[in-house]
């Protein structure tokens, strides 16, 4: 199941096990096959890559302008390194689709989107346990955050500080 802010969505990307991306308009290749896929792509072809969540940003930074999709693989919902990688990719200037791929849970959806992910791809087993309606409801459960730079409106601490300054000035 593929989910974005609006619910379930179709996936135009075709996974390729290797660098053979001939006649595939939207080819998603594994990290190891990326250099060869980029070397053999056609002008009208879009290339995406599935990367491990422990990839260092400097390993992929030079290729970001050539990519249309980066799917960050989460081996388990408890392994949050992919969230950090998403922030690093956005800060490095990646403007394409950013996908969290793996067994995430509903409670992580709003956080994934605020870290820079555009969509979440779930394995069938997880999708069966947590239907799309639960994912959509989860977007509105948490409205305030302690971390800066995630979502709109500032952090809880920034809001408290602004309130104190307003009181002191008034």
Protein backbone atom coordinates (compact mmCIF):
# COMPACT_ATOMS: atom_id res chain seq x y z
CA UNK A 1 0.00 0.00 0.00
CA UNK A 2 1.28 3.45 -0.91
CA UNK A 3 -0.01 6.39 1.14
CA UNK A 4 0.43 10.14 0.93
CA UNK A 5 -1.27 13.05 2.72
CA UNK A 6 -4.47 12.43 0.76
CA UNK A 7 -4.75 8.67 1.34
CA UNK A 8 -3.88 5.71 -0.82
CA UNK A 9 -2.30 6.43 -4.18
CA UNK A 10 -1.17 4.46 -7.19
CA UNK A 11 2.49 3.72 -7.73
CA UNK A 12 3.83 4.61 -11.19
CA UNK A 13 7.28 3.23 -10.37
CA UNK A 14 8.48 -0.14 -11.68
CA UNK A 15 11.07 -1.92 -9.57
CA UNK A 16 14.07 -3.26 -11.45
CA UNK A 17 16.36 -5.74 -9.72
CA UNK A 18 19.37 -4.52 -11.64
CA UNK A 19 20.43 -1.66 -13.81
CA UNK A 20 18.41 -2.88 -16.82
CA UNK A 21 15.93 -0.05 -17.11
CA UNK A 22 15.17 -0.23 -20.84
CA UNK A 23 11.61 0.74 -21.73
CA UNK A 24 10.69 1.60 -18.13
CA UNK A 25 9.37 5.17 -17.84
CA UNK A 26 9.71 5.30 -14.03
CA UNK A 27 12.42 2.86 -12.97
CA UNK A 28 13.17 2.22 -9.30
CA UNK A 29 16.54 0.50 -8.85
CA UNK A 30 18.49 -0.69 -5.81
CA UNK A 31 21.31 1.50 -4.52
CA UNK A 32 23.99 -0.83 -5.86
CA UNK A 33 22.62 -0.56 -9.43
CA UNK A 34 22.20 3.22 -9.49
CA UNK A 35 25.41 4.24 -11.31
CA UNK A 36 24.74 1.86 -14.19
CA UNK A 37 21.04 2.81 -14.38
CA UNK A 38 21.93 6.50 -14.60
CA UNK A 39 24.51 5.78 -17.29
CA UNK A 40 21.98 3.91 -19.46
CA UNK A 41 18.84 5.95 -18.97
CA UNK A 42 17.12 7.74 -21.82
CA UNK A 43 16.23 11.43 -21.92
CA UNK A 44 12.54 10.89 -21.12
CA UNK A 45 13.11 8.31 -18.40
CA UNK A 46 12.87 8.98 -14.67
CA UNK A 47 15.14 7.11 -12.28
CA UNK A 48 14.44 6.38 -8.64
CA UNK A 49 16.61 4.57 -6.13
CA UNK A 50 15.92 2.46 -3.04
CA UNK A 51 18.55 3.27 -0.43
CA UNK A 52 19.31 1.80 2.98
CA UNK A 53 18.44 4.00 5.94
CA UNK A 54 22.08 4.10 7.03
CA UNK A 55 23.33 5.68 3.79
CA UNK A 56 25.61 8.68 4.33
CA UNK A 57 24.39 11.82 2.58
CA UNK A 58 27.79 12.42 0.98
CA UNK A 59 27.46 9.08 -0.85
CA UNK A 60 24.39 10.25 -2.79
CA UNK A 61 24.62 14.06 -2.78
CA UNK A 62 26.22 14.36 -6.24
CA UNK A 63 23.45 12.23 -7.80
CA UNK A 64 20.46 14.07 -6.31
CA UNK A 65 19.77 16.27 -9.39
CA UNK A 66 19.48 13.13 -11.55
CA UNK A 67 16.93 11.40 -9.33
CA UNK A 68 13.15 11.72 -9.35
CA UNK A 69 12.46 9.39 -6.39
CA UNK A 70 14.41 8.23 -3.37
CA UNK A 71 12.86 5.37 -1.40
CA UNK A 72 14.46 5.13 2.03
CA UNK A 73 14.18 1.57 3.30
CA UNK A 74 13.20 1.05 6.94
CA UNK A 75 14.11 -2.49 8.11
CA UNK A 76 11.87 -2.09 11.19
CA UNK A 77 9.55 0.55 12.59
CA UNK A 78 11.89 0.93 15.57
CA UNK A 79 14.86 1.92 13.38
CA UNK A 80 14.46 5.68 12.96
CA UNK A 81 17.62 6.45 10.99
CA UNK A 82 15.53 6.91 7.86
CA UNK A 83 13.85 9.98 9.38
CA UNK A 84 17.24 11.63 9.83
CA UNK A 85 18.25 10.70 6.30
CA UNK A 86 15.05 12.28 4.94
CA UNK A 87 15.87 15.58 6.66
CA UNK A 88 19.43 15.44 5.34
CA UNK A 89 18.24 14.76 1.78
CA UNK A 90 15.85 17.73 1.88
CA UNK A 91 18.52 19.99 3.36
CA UNK A 92 20.92 18.87 0.61
CA UNK A 93 18.42 20.17 -1.95
CA UNK A 94 16.56 17.05 -3.08
CA UNK A 95 13.20 18.18 -4.48
CA UNK A 96 11.91 14.90 -5.97
CA UNK A 97 9.60 12.36 -4.37
CA UNK A 98 10.82 11.00 -1.06
CA UNK A 99 9.35 7.68 0.03
CA UNK A 100 9.57 5.86 3.36
CA UNK A 101 9.47 2.16 2.51
CA UNK A 102 9.02 -0.51 5.14
CA UNK A 103 7.05 -1.57 8.21
CA UNK A 104 6.29 1.85 9.68
CA UNK A 105 3.34 2.25 12.02
CA UNK A 106 0.45 4.68 11.99
CA UNK A 107 1.92 6.75 14.84
CA UNK A 108 4.93 7.58 12.65
CA UNK A 109 2.98 8.95 9.68
CA UNK A 110 2.77 12.64 10.64
CA UNK A 111 6.40 12.59 11.74
CA UNK A 112 7.50 10.98 8.46
CA UNK A 113 5.74 13.69 6.47
CA UNK A 114 7.18 16.45 8.64
CA UNK A 115 10.70 15.03 8.14
CA UNK A 116 10.33 15.47 4.39
CA UNK A 117 8.78 12.24 3.15
CA UNK A 118 6.02 12.62 0.56
CA UNK A 119 4.69 9.09 0.89
CA UNK A 120 4.90 5.85 2.83
CA UNK A 121 5.04 2.43 1.20
CA UNK A 122 3.92 -0.41 3.47
CA UNK A 123 4.46 -4.15 3.13
CA UNK A 124 1.20 -6.04 2.57
CA UNK A 125 1.26 -7.55 6.09
CA UNK A 126 1.40 -4.12 7.71
CA UNK A 127 -1.20 -2.64 5.38
CA UNK A 128 -3.60 -5.40 6.35
CA UNK A 129 -3.26 -4.59 10.06
CA UNK A 130 -3.51 -0.82 9.68
CA UNK A 131 -5.92 0.30 6.93
CA UNK A 132 -5.59 3.63 5.11
CA UNK A 133 -8.31 5.25 7.25
CA UNK A 134 -6.14 4.84 10.37
CA UNK A 135 -3.21 6.50 8.60
CA UNK A 136 -5.33 9.47 7.59
CA UNK A 137 -6.69 9.88 11.12
CA UNK A 138 -3.16 9.82 12.50
CA UNK A 139 -2.27 13.00 10.62
CA UNK A 140 -4.42 15.05 12.96
CA UNK A 141 -3.57 13.41 16.29
CA UNK A 142 -0.38 15.32 17.01
CA UNK A 143 -0.62 19.05 16.40
CA UNK A 144 2.36 20.32 18.36
CA UNK A 145 6.01 19.33 18.37
CA UNK A 146 9.02 19.94 20.60
CA UNK A 147 11.50 19.79 17.70
CA UNK A 148 12.17 22.85 15.57
CA UNK A 149 11.84 22.71 11.81
CA UNK A 150 9.11 20.06 11.60
CA UNK A 151 5.78 21.20 10.29
CA UNK A 152 4.30 24.67 10.50
CA UNK A 153 3.89 27.07 13.37
CA UNK A 154 7.09 26.50 15.32
CA UNK A 155 7.79 24.21 18.23
CA UNK A 156 6.05 24.15 21.60
CA UNK A 157 9.10 25.80 23.16
CA UNK A 158 9.09 28.59 20.54
CA UNK A 159 5.41 29.24 21.23
CA UNK A 160 6.00 29.38 24.98
CA UNK A 161 8.92 31.79 24.51
CA UNK A 162 6.81 34.03 22.25
CA UNK A 163 4.01 34.02 24.82
CA UNK A 164 6.38 35.08 27.60
CA UNK A 165 7.77 37.89 25.46
CA UNK A 166 4.25 39.09 24.66
CA UNK A 167 3.35 39.07 28.36
CA UNK A 168 6.54 40.90 29.31
CA UNK A 169 5.95 43.55 26.64
CA UNK A 170 2.29 44.03 27.56
